[in-house]
Amino acid sequence: MAEIMLKGYKCERCGHTWVPRDWKEKPRVCPKCKNPYWDKPKKSK
């Protein structure tokens, strides 16, 4: 049995992980929560 490791992205807001279809450019929004700040963690109060 072979193991495969895939690179992907993780949303810092909702925790969703995904593998993009196109690796040429960085995703603009998270596909689940549609947040454009998916790559920046929330600021705590």
Protein backbone atom coordinates (compact mmCIF):
# COMPACT_ATOMS: atom_id res chain seq x y z
CA MET A 1 0.00 0.00 0.00
CA ALA A 2 1.38 3.42 -0.92
CA GLU A 3 1.03 6.64 1.02
CA ILE A 4 0.46 9.95 -0.70
CA MET A 5 1.04 13.33 0.92
CA LEU A 6 -0.87 16.26 -0.57
CA LYS A 7 -0.22 19.91 0.11
CA GLY A 8 -3.24 22.05 0.83
CA TYR A 9 -4.55 25.07 2.68
CA LYS A 10 -6.25 25.52 6.05
CA CYS A 11 -8.62 28.33 6.99
CA GLU A 12 -7.49 30.08 10.18
CA ARG A 13 -11.09 31.21 10.81
CA CYS A 14 -13.22 28.07 10.46
CA GLY A 15 -10.55 25.33 10.40
CA HIS A 16 -11.57 23.95 6.98
CA THR A 17 -8.77 22.24 5.01
CA TRP A 18 -8.76 21.81 1.23
CA VAL A 19 -6.60 20.99 -1.77
CA PRO A 20 -6.97 23.63 -4.51
CA ARG A 21 -7.62 22.74 -8.13
CA ASP A 22 -5.10 25.30 -9.41
CA TRP A 23 -1.72 25.73 -7.65
CA LYS A 24 -0.71 28.73 -9.77
CA GLU A 25 -2.33 31.30 -7.49
CA LYS A 26 -3.26 31.56 -3.81
CA PRO A 27 -6.99 31.16 -3.02
CA ARG A 28 -8.86 34.44 -2.50
CA VAL A 29 -11.47 33.08 -0.08
CA CYS A 30 -12.11 29.96 1.99
CA PRO A 31 -14.43 27.65 0.00
CA LYS A 32 -16.47 26.82 3.12
CA CYS A 33 -16.94 30.09 5.03
CA LYS A 34 -16.17 32.43 2.07
CA ASN A 35 -13.96 34.61 4.30
CA PRO A 36 -11.28 36.60 2.41
CA TYR A 37 -9.11 36.66 5.56
CA TRP A 38 -8.81 32.85 5.74
CA ASP A 39 -5.00 33.02 6.01
CA LYS A 40 -4.93 35.46 8.96
CA PRO A 41 -5.80 34.24 12.49
CA LYS A 42 -8.53 36.00 14.46
CA LYS A 43 -7.43 38.70 16.84
CA SER A 44 -8.46 37.90 20.40
CA LYS A 45 -9.96 40.64 22.56
